[in-house]
Amino acid sequence: MDGATKQIARQRVQVLFQQAQTVYKANPQLAQRYVETARKIAMSARLSMPQMYRRQMCKNCHMLLVPGETSRVRVRARREPHTVTTCLTCGAQTRIPLKTRNKEKTKVEQTINKQNETSR
């Protein structure tokens, strides 16, 4: 597929997800149909779904995830801090790691530690 076709597909996916979000309160089945159509367009155009839209869709049942209605979102601090999104339709869980502290700071700490070791 050429670039123009993929660009049109991206725009349609974006519009369909926006429509799904606005229509969900009034008609959840229509919103679900929009999500399914957006997924099919992305697959037929062979483009990866943008991350912001992948996180709004269940990876198991492809349901639109609306926090508090079709999904539950929890923040966990075990191991690495992360959020857990649970689909209330199928029960699938998705873990999204939260950003850790700045790596540049740890590099600075490492250089300071090296300087202290060499000065001993």
Protein backbone atom coordinates (compact mmCIF):
# COMPACT_ATOMS: atom_id res chain seq x y z
CA MET A 1 0.00 0.00 0.00
CA ASP A 2 1.22 3.47 -0.76
CA GLY A 3 1.64 6.30 1.73
CA ALA A 4 -1.55 8.08 0.73
CA THR A 5 -3.68 5.01 1.44
CA LYS A 6 -2.07 4.54 4.85
CA GLN A 7 -2.58 8.22 5.68
CA ILE A 8 -6.29 7.96 4.81
CA ALA A 9 -6.56 4.79 6.94
CA ARG A 10 -4.92 6.56 9.91
CA GLN A 11 -7.37 9.44 9.62
CA ARG A 12 -10.35 7.08 9.46
CA VAL A 13 -9.15 5.13 12.50
CA GLN A 14 -8.74 8.40 14.39
CA VAL A 15 -12.24 9.60 13.45
CA LEU A 16 -13.83 6.25 14.33
CA PHE A 17 -12.23 6.18 17.80
CA GLN A 18 -13.33 9.76 18.46
CA GLN A 19 -16.87 8.90 17.38
CA ALA A 20 -16.81 5.78 19.58
CA GLN A 21 -15.88 7.88 22.61
CA THR A 22 -18.63 10.44 22.00
CA VAL A 23 -21.37 7.91 21.14
CA TYR A 24 -20.60 5.41 23.91
CA LYS A 25 -22.96 6.90 26.53
CA ALA A 26 -25.96 6.93 24.20
CA ASN A 27 -25.31 3.72 22.25
CA PRO A 28 -22.56 1.33 23.45
CA GLN A 29 -23.21 -1.17 20.65
CA LEU A 30 -22.63 1.49 17.98
CA ALA A 31 -19.40 2.51 19.73
CA GLN A 32 -18.31 -1.13 19.69
CA ARG A 33 -19.06 -1.31 15.98
CA TYR A 34 -16.90 1.80 15.39
CA VAL A 35 -13.99 0.16 17.21
CA GLU A 36 -14.35 -3.06 15.20
CA THR A 37 -14.47 -1.07 11.95
CA ALA A 38 -11.38 0.94 12.93
CA ARG A 39 -9.51 -2.28 13.70
CA LYS A 40 -10.48 -3.81 10.35
CA ILE A 41 -9.38 -0.68 8.48
CA ALA A 42 -6.01 -0.72 10.25
CA MET A 43 -5.53 -4.42 9.47
CA SER A 44 -6.48 -4.07 5.80
CA ALA A 45 -4.14 -1.09 5.36
CA ARG A 46 -1.40 -3.04 7.17
CA LEU A 47 -0.68 -0.29 9.66
CA SER A 48 -0.13 -0.70 13.35
CA MET A 49 -2.78 0.79 15.58
CA PRO A 50 -1.41 3.89 17.36
CA GLN A 51 -0.58 3.29 21.02
CA MET A 52 -3.24 5.64 22.36
CA TYR A 53 -5.92 3.67 20.52
CA ARG A 54 -4.47 0.26 21.42
CA ARG A 55 -4.78 1.23 25.08
CA GLN A 56 -8.47 2.12 24.59
CA MET A 57 -9.23 -1.35 23.25
CA CYS A 58 -9.16 -4.74 25.00
CA LYS A 59 -6.53 -7.01 23.44
CA ASN A 60 -8.66 -10.08 24.08
CA CYS A 61 -12.26 -9.20 23.13
CA HIS A 62 -11.60 -5.88 21.29
CA MET A 63 -14.11 -4.03 23.47
CA LEU A 64 -13.85 -0.26 23.85
CA LEU A 65 -12.35 0.34 27.31
CA VAL A 66 -14.08 3.14 29.19
CA PRO A 67 -12.66 3.51 32.72
CA GLY A 68 -15.34 2.86 35.31
CA GLU A 69 -17.81 1.33 32.87
CA THR A 70 -16.14 -1.36 30.77
CA SER A 71 -12.76 -1.36 32.49
CA ARG A 72 -11.16 -1.00 35.90
CA VAL A 73 -7.85 0.85 36.23
CA ARG A 74 -5.56 0.32 39.22
CA VAL A 75 -2.09 1.65 40.01
CA ARG A 76 0.28 -0.91 41.52
CA ALA A 77 3.68 -0.31 43.08
CA ARG A 78 4.92 -3.91 43.33
CA ARG A 79 8.17 -4.62 41.50
CA GLU A 80 8.08 -1.77 39.02
CA PRO A 81 5.25 0.77 39.36
CA HIS A 82 2.56 0.04 36.76
CA THR A 83 -1.11 0.47 35.98
CA VAL A 84 -3.36 -2.54 35.54
CA THR A 85 -6.37 -2.17 33.26
CA THR A 86 -8.94 -4.95 33.63
CA CYS A 87 -11.62 -5.46 31.00
CA LEU A 88 -14.93 -6.00 32.80
CA THR A 89 -16.32 -7.89 29.80
CA CYS A 90 -13.77 -10.71 29.47
CA GLY A 91 -11.54 -10.21 32.53
CA ALA A 92 -8.31 -9.71 30.55
CA GLN A 93 -5.65 -7.61 32.25
CA THR A 94 -3.16 -5.27 30.63
CA ARG A 95 -0.14 -3.98 32.54
CA ILE A 96 1.41 -0.68 31.51
CA PRO A 97 4.68 0.28 33.23
CA LEU A 98 4.95 3.78 34.63
CA LYS A 99 8.03 5.82 33.90
CA THR A 100 10.91 5.22 36.27
CA ARG A 101 13.19 7.92 37.52
CA ASN A 102 15.36 9.81 35.10
CA LYS A 103 18.28 7.70 33.79
CA GLU A 104 20.52 10.75 33.46
CA LYS A 105 20.38 11.19 37.19
CA THR A 106 21.55 7.64 37.73
CA LYS A 107 24.43 8.21 35.27
CA VAL A 108 25.47 11.28 37.25
CA GLU A 109 25.33 9.24 40.45
CA GLN A 110 27.48 6.56 38.81
CA THR A 111 30.15 9.05 37.77
CA ILE A 112 30.21 10.53 41.27
CA ASN A 113 30.59 7.04 42.74
CA LYS A 114 33.45 6.28 40.33
CA GLN A 115 35.20 9.54 41.29
CA ASN A 116 34.84 8.71 44.97
CA GLU A 117 36.29 5.24 44.44
CA THR A 118 39.30 6.53 42.52
CA SER A 119 40.05 9.22 45.11
CA ARG A 120 40.29 6.68 47.95
